[in-house]
C-alpha atoms as a PDB file:
ATOM      1  CA  UNK A   1     122.346 169.465-104.038  1.00  0.00           C
ATOM      2  CA  UNK A   2     124.411 169.130-100.871  1.00  0.00           C
ATOM      3  CA  UNK A   3     127.421 167.699-102.898  1.00  0.00           C
ATOM      4  CA  UNK A   4     127.376 170.676-105.315  1.00  0.00           C
ATOM      5  CA  UNK A   5     127.438 172.961-102.843  1.00  0.00           C
ATOM      6  CA  UNK A   6     130.229 171.042-100.984  1.00  0.00           C
ATOM      7  CA  UNK A   7     132.259 170.893-104.447  1.00  0.00           C
ATOM      8  CA  UNK A   8     131.898 174.529-104.948  1.00  0.00           C
ATOM      9  CA  UNK A   9     133.896 175.327-101.253  1.00  0.00           C
ATOM     10  CA  UNK A  10     137.428 176.033-101.609  1.00  0.00           C
ATOM     11  CA  UNK A  11     140.343 173.772 -99.948  1.00  0.00           C
ATOM     12  CA  UNK A  12     139.878 175.863 -96.570  1.00  0.00           C
ATOM     13  CA  UNK A  13     136.226 175.720 -96.117  1.00  0.00           C
ATOM     14  CA  UNK A  14     136.410 172.107 -97.076  1.00  0.00           C
ATOM     15  CA  UNK A  15     138.689 171.600 -94.203  1.00  0.00           C
ATOM     16  CA  UNK A  16     136.546 173.603 -91.927  1.00  0.00           C
ATOM     17  CA  UNK A  17     133.647 171.550 -92.716  1.00  0.00           C
ATOM     18  CA  UNK A  18     135.546 168.440 -92.071  1.00  0.00           C
ATOM     19  CA  UNK A  19     136.844 169.583 -88.578  1.00  0.00           C
ATOM     20  CA  UNK A  20     133.439 170.771 -87.727  1.00  0.00           C
ATOM     21  CA  UNK A  21     131.936 167.316 -88.522  1.00  0.00           C
ATOM     22  CA  UNK A  22     134.536 165.508 -86.642  1.00  0.00           C
ATOM     23  CA  UNK A  23     133.689 167.724 -83.426  1.00  0.00           C
ATOM     24  CA  UNK A  24     129.933 167.170 -83.793  1.00  0.00           C
ATOM     25  CA  UNK A  25     130.902 163.344 -84.375  1.00  0.00           C
ATOM     26  CA  UNK A  26     133.294 163.590 -81.148  1.00  0.00           C
ATOM     27  CA  UNK A  27     130.487 165.304 -79.040  1.00  0.00           C
ATOM     28  CA  UNK A  28     127.928 162.779 -80.250  1.00  0.00           C
ATOM     29  CA  UNK A  29     129.658 159.852 -79.170  1.00  0.00           C
ATOM     30  CA  UNK A  30     131.139 161.573 -76.167  1.00  0.00           C
ATOM     31  CA  UNK A  31     127.101 161.832 -75.284  1.00  0.00           C
ATOM     32  CA  UNK A  32     126.210 158.519 -76.347  1.00  0.00           C
ATOM     33  CA  UNK A  33     128.959 156.058 -75.702  1.00  0.00           C
ATOM     34  CA  UNK A  34     131.956 157.702 -73.621  1.00  0.00           C
ATOM     35  CA  UNK A  35     130.178 159.247 -70.585  1.00  0.00           C
ATOM     36  CA  UNK A  36     127.773 156.269 -69.851  1.00  0.00           C
ATOM     37  CA  UNK A  37     130.953 153.643 -70.516  1.00  0.00           C
ATOM     38  CA  UNK A  38     132.695 156.225 -67.893  1.00  0.00           C
ATOM     39  CA  UNK A  39     129.896 155.867 -65.300  1.00  0.00           C
ATOM     40  CA  UNK A  40     129.851 152.159 -65.563  1.00  0.00           C
ATOM     41  CA  UNK A  41     133.288 151.936 -65.053  1.00  0.00           C
ATOM     42  CA  UNK A  42     133.082 153.948 -61.744  1.00  0.00           C
ATOM     43  CA  UNK A  43     130.029 152.149 -60.410  1.00  0.00           C
ATOM     44  CA  UNK A  44     132.274 148.788 -61.395  1.00  0.00           C
ATOM     45  CA  UNK A  45     135.269 150.221 -59.516  1.00  0.00           C
ATOM     46  CA  UNK A  46     133.039 150.912 -56.139  1.00  0.00           C
ATOM     47  CA  UNK A  47     131.704 147.530 -56.986  1.00  0.00           C
ATOM     48  CA  UNK A  48     135.261 145.743 -56.671  1.00  0.00           C
ATOM     49  CA  UNK A  49     136.393 148.004 -53.937  1.00  0.00           C
ATOM     50  CA  UNK A  50     133.326 146.543 -51.742  1.00  0.00           C
ATOM     51  CA  UNK A  51     133.917 142.969 -52.886  1.00  0.00           C
ATOM     52  CA  UNK A  52     137.792 143.696 -52.047  1.00  0.00           C
ATOM     53  CA  UNK A  53     136.659 144.811 -48.432  1.00  0.00           C
ATOM     54  CA  UNK A  54     134.132 142.002 -48.165  1.00  0.00           C
ATOM     55  CA  UNK A  55     137.103 139.535 -49.037  1.00  0.00           C
ATOM     56  CA  UNK A  56     139.588 140.737 -46.934  1.00  0.00           C
ATOM     57  CA  UNK A  57     136.831 140.657 -43.720  1.00  0.00           C
ATOM     58  CA  UNK A  58     136.225 137.070 -44.844  1.00  0.00           C
ATOM     59  CA  UNK A  59     139.800 135.969 -45.015  1.00  0.00           C
ATOM     60  CA  UNK A  60     140.327 137.043 -41.457  1.00  0.00           C
ATOM     61  CA  UNK A  61     137.243 135.354 -40.283  1.00  0.00           C
ATOM     62  CA  UNK A  62     138.548 131.904 -41.935  1.00  0.00           C
ATOM     63  CA  UNK A  63     142.170 132.939 -40.212  1.00  0.00           C
ATOM     64  CA  UNK A  64     139.712 132.409 -36.839  1.00  0.00           C
ATOM     65  CA  UNK A  65     138.462 129.184 -37.713  1.00  0.00           C
ATOM     66  CA  UNK A  66     141.143 126.898 -36.069  1.00  0.00           C
ATOM     67  CA  UNK A  67     140.608 128.638 -32.826  1.00  0.00           C
ATOM     68  CA  UNK A  68     136.874 128.879 -33.162  1.00  0.00           C
ATOM     69  CA  UNK A  69     136.972 125.090 -33.817  1.00  0.00           C
ATOM     70  CA  UNK A  70     139.275 124.230 -30.709  1.00  0.00           C
ATOM     71  CA  UNK A  71     137.051 126.329 -28.304  1.00  0.00           C
ATOM     72  CA  UNK A  72     133.823 124.474 -30.071  1.00  0.00           C
ATOM     73  CA  UNK A  73     135.117 120.803 -29.530  1.00  0.00           C
ATOM     74  CA  UNK A  74     135.833 121.733 -25.997  1.00  0.00           C
ATOM     75  CA  UNK A  75     132.213 122.630 -25.732  1.00  0.00           C
ATOM     76  CA  UNK A  76     130.614 120.063 -28.173  1.00  0.00           C
ATOM     77  CA  UNK A  77     130.547 117.227 -25.391  1.00  0.00           C
ATOM     78  CA  UNK A  78     128.174 119.298 -23.447  1.00  0.00           C
ATOM     79  CA  UNK A  79     125.721 120.076 -25.967  1.00  0.00           C
ATOM     80  CA  UNK A  80     124.878 116.572 -26.714  1.00  0.00           C
ATOM     81  CA  UNK A  81     124.439 114.425 -29.669  1.00  0.00           C
ATOM     82  CA  UNK A  82     122.261 115.656 -32.534  1.00  0.00           C
ATOM     83  CA  UNK A  83     119.346 113.508 -33.145  1.00  0.00           C
ATOM     84  CA  UNK A  84     116.292 113.371 -35.033  1.00  0.00           C
ATOM     85  CA  UNK A  85     113.252 115.470 -33.446  1.00  0.00           C
ATOM     86  CA  UNK A  86     111.521 112.534 -32.345  1.00  0.00           C
ATOM     87  CA  UNK A  87     114.125 110.898 -30.913  1.00  0.00           C
ATOM     88  CA  UNK A  88     115.429 113.677 -29.236  1.00  0.00           C
ATOM     89  CA  UNK A  89     112.107 114.407 -27.463  1.00  0.00           C
ATOM     90  CA  UNK A  90     112.375 110.889 -26.561  1.00  0.00           C
ATOM     91  CA  UNK A  91     115.680 110.752 -25.099  1.00  0.00           C
ATOM     92  CA  UNK A  92     115.221 114.268 -23.106  1.00  0.00           C
ATOM     93  CA  UNK A  93     112.073 112.968 -21.497  1.00  0.00           C
ATOM     94  CA  UNK A  94     113.954 109.492 -20.743  1.00  0.00           C
ATOM     95  CA  UNK A  95     116.919 111.479 -19.122  1.00  0.00           C
ATOM     96  CA  UNK A  96     114.342 113.709 -17.033  1.00  0.00           C
ATOM     97  CA  UNK A  97     112.423 110.569 -15.941  1.00  0.00           C
ATOM     98  CA  UNK A  98     115.930 108.828 -14.934  1.00  0.00           C
ATOM     99  CA  UNK A  99     116.973 111.981 -12.830  1.00  0.00           C
ATOM    100  CA  UNK A 100     113.635 112.320 -11.322  1.00  0.00           C
ATOM    101  CA  UNK A 101     114.020 108.522 -10.347  1.00  0.00           C
ATOM    102  CA  UNK A 102     117.552 109.261  -8.720  1.00  0.00           C
ATOM    103  CA  UNK A 103     116.339 112.013  -7.024  1.00  0.00           C
ATOM    104  CA  UNK A 104     113.038 110.708  -5.226  1.00  0.00           C
ATOM    105  CA  UNK A 105     111.005 113.102  -7.492  1.00  0.00           C
ATOM    106  CA  UNK A 106     107.416 111.882  -8.435  1.00  0.00           C
ATOM    107  CA  UNK A 107     106.761 112.872 -12.073  1.00  0.00           C
ATOM    108  CA  UNK A 108     102.975 112.399 -12.131  1.00  0.00           C
ATOM    109  CA  UNK A 109     102.254 113.927 -15.669  1.00  0.00           C
ATOM    110  CA  UNK A 110     105.270 115.020 -18.693  1.00  0.00           C
ATOM    111  CA  UNK A 111     104.204 115.969 -22.059  1.00  0.00           C
ATOM    112  CA  UNK A 112     106.505 117.358 -24.496  1.00  0.00           C
ATOM    113  CA  UNK A 113     106.012 120.401 -26.952  1.00  0.00           C
ATOM    114  CA  UNK A 114     106.667 120.496 -30.887  1.00  0.00           C
ATOM    115  CA  UNK A 115     110.748 121.506 -31.380  1.00  0.00           C
ATOM    116  CA  UNK A 116     111.214 125.317 -32.253  1.00  0.00           C
ATOM    117  CA  UNK A 117     113.802 125.208 -34.804  1.00  0.00           C
ATOM    118  CA  UNK A 118     115.803 128.545 -35.222  1.00  0.00           C
ATOM    119  CA  UNK A 119     118.506 129.482 -37.267  1.00  0.00           C
ATOM    120  CA  UNK A 120     121.182 128.695 -35.114  1.00  0.00           C
ATOM    121  CA  UNK A 121     119.855 125.843 -33.141  1.00  0.00           C
ATOM    122  CA  UNK A 122     116.758 123.747 -31.858  1.00  0.00           C
ATOM    123  CA  UNK A 123     115.025 123.734 -28.486  1.00  0.00           C
ATOM    124  CA  UNK A 124     113.051 121.250 -27.224  1.00  0.00           C
ATOM    125  CA  UNK A 125     110.694 121.288 -24.220  1.00  0.00           C
ATOM    126  CA  UNK A 126     109.122 119.261 -21.415  1.00  0.00           C
ATOM    127  CA  UNK A 127     106.170 120.343 -19.720  1.00  0.00           C
ATOM    128  CA  UNK A 128     105.857 118.706 -16.208  1.00  0.00           C
ATOM    129  CA  UNK A 129     102.433 119.148 -15.307  1.00  0.00           C
ATOM    130  CA  UNK A 130     102.681 117.896 -12.042  1.00  0.00           C
ATOM    131  CA  UNK A 131     105.595 116.702  -9.707  1.00  0.00           C
ATOM    132  CA  UNK A 132     105.901 115.876  -5.709  1.00  0.00           C
ATOM    133  CA  UNK A 133     108.906 115.510  -3.794  1.00  0.00           C
ATOM    134  CA  UNK A 134     110.537 117.090  -0.681  1.00  0.00           C
ATOM    135  CA  UNK A 135     112.870 120.190  -0.683  1.00  0.00           C
ATOM    136  CA  UNK A 136     116.063 118.198  -0.741  1.00  0.00           C
ATOM    137  CA  UNK A 137     114.911 116.029  -3.725  1.00  0.00           C
ATOM    138  CA  UNK A 138     113.734 119.183  -5.624  1.00  0.00           C
ATOM    139  CA  UNK A 139     117.215 120.619  -5.043  1.00  0.00           C
ATOM    140  CA  UNK A 140     118.842 117.562  -5.921  1.00  0.00           C
ATOM    141  CA  UNK A 141     116.915 117.169  -9.092  1.00  0.00           C
ATOM    142  CA  UNK A 142     117.304 120.750 -10.055  1.00  0.00           C
ATOM    143  CA  UNK A 143     121.156 120.533  -9.311  1.00  0.00           C
ATOM    144  CA  UNK A 144     121.641 117.281 -11.353  1.00  0.00           C
ATOM    145  CA  UNK A 145     119.494 118.589 -14.167  1.00  0.00           C
ATOM    146  CA  UNK A 146     121.823 121.702 -14.623  1.00  0.00           C
ATOM    147  CA  UNK A 147     124.880 119.531 -13.918  1.00  0.00           C
ATOM    148  CA  UNK A 148     123.810 116.923 -17.048  1.00  0.00           C
ATOM    149  CA  UNK A 149     125.517 117.144 -20.119  1.00  0.00           C
ATOM    150  CA  UNK A 150     123.652 119.196 -22.455  1.00  0.00           C
ATOM    151  CA  UNK A 151     122.124 122.297 -22.400  1.00  0.00           C
ATOM    152  CA  UNK A 152     119.138 121.807 -19.850  1.00  0.00           C
ATOM    153  CA  UNK A 153     117.103 125.051 -18.453  1.00  0.00           C
ATOM    154  CA  UNK A 154     114.322 125.158 -15.925  1.00  0.00           C
ATOM    155  CA  UNK A 155     112.315 127.837 -17.451  1.00  0.00           C
ATOM    156  CA  UNK A 156     109.331 127.892 -15.344  1.00  0.00           C
ATOM    157  CA  UNK A 157     108.673 126.476 -12.107  1.00  0.00           C
ATOM    158  CA  UNK A 158     106.061 126.573  -9.819  1.00  0.00           C
ATOM    159  CA  UNK A 159     105.827 125.207  -6.423  1.00  0.00           C
ATOM    160  CA  UNK A 160     103.881 124.718  -3.318  1.00  0.00           C
ATOM    161  CA  UNK A 161     103.406 122.809  -0.196  1.00  0.00           C
ATOM    162  CA  UNK A 162     101.200 120.091   0.118  1.00  0.00           C
ATOM    163  CA  UNK A 163      98.292 119.784   2.404  1.00  0.00           C
ATOM    164  CA  UNK A 164     100.670 118.045   5.087  1.00  0.00           C
ATOM    165  CA  UNK A 165     103.290 120.750   4.728  1.00  0.00           C
ATOM    166  CA  UNK A 166     106.065 118.159   4.461  1.00  0.00           C
ATOM    167  CA  UNK A 167     106.293 117.565   0.478  1.00  0.00           C
ATOM    168  CA  UNK A 168     106.544 119.925  -2.090  1.00  0.00           C
ATOM    169  CA  UNK A 169     103.915 119.841  -5.299  1.00  0.00           C
ATOM    170  CA  UNK A 170     104.366 122.071  -8.245  1.00  0.00           C
ATOM    171  CA  UNK A 171     105.035 122.234 -12.094  1.00  0.00           C
ATOM    172  CA  UNK A 172     107.911 123.131 -14.597  1.00  0.00           C
ATOM    173  CA  UNK A 173     109.100 123.163 -17.932  1.00  0.00           C
ATOM    174  CA  UNK A 174     112.482 121.968 -18.695  1.00  0.00           C
ATOM    175  CA  UNK A 175     114.033 123.147 -22.348  1.00  0.00           C
ATOM    176  CA  UNK A 176     117.019 121.546 -24.079  1.00  0.00           C
ATOM    177  CA  UNK A 177     118.974 123.403 -26.927  1.00  0.00           C
ATOM    178  CA  UNK A 178     120.547 121.354 -29.707  1.00  0.00           C
ATOM    179  CA  UNK A 179     122.968 122.772 -32.348  1.00  0.00           C
ATOM    180  CA  UNK A 180     122.636 121.017 -35.638  1.00  0.00           C
ATOM    181  CA  UNK A 181     126.064 120.280 -37.142  1.00  0.00           C
ATOM    182  CA  UNK A 182     126.660 122.539 -39.682  1.00  0.00           C
ATOM    183  CA  UNK A 183     126.367 121.946 -43.324  1.00  0.00           C
ATOM    184  CA  UNK A 184     129.950 123.311 -45.177  1.00  0.00           C
ATOM    185  CA  UNK A 185     129.477 123.623 -48.871  1.00  0.00           C
ATOM    186  CA  UNK A 186     131.513 121.791 -51.180  1.00  0.00           C
ATOM    187  CA  UNK A 187     134.452 123.800 -52.261  1.00  0.00           C
ATOM    188  CA  UNK A 188     133.602 125.107 -55.960  1.00  0.00           C
ATOM    189  CA  UNK A 189     136.229 124.253 -58.490  1.00  0.00           C
END
């Protein structure tokens, strides 16, 4: 039936029909394939631009690596060696105890807290519940502690004179920060 009607058309009408059908096919293809493909290409182009900017930034950061490593190597010895947590706590307590003996500070009680781990460092803390010394001994102890290699800090200090007024009693919290050795991923190849 449709084929009969088409066969009755003259050449000009057949040409018009073919052109109309081509226009309809092109419009359908435009809606179904070309426009979505164009949108996807535009999205990919934006993503490529973002990634290129990120790559440019990362390249600039990588250029700073030798200078950062040089500066870090200068302060690395001040940070102390990285140890397993239990060993690091024992070493820290030993260092505090040795400093106390050297500066005539009597540590009556000392206990450690659980290490606190963050993304960039580990923090170890020792609570000295009771200590006893004279003013000069305390100043020597604090000076030696802060002058010691490593990142020692006194985060809490409470002092009061004893009953005679000649000595000082108190408590303190000492912390030490350890920076773990960064894990560098193996180059992909």
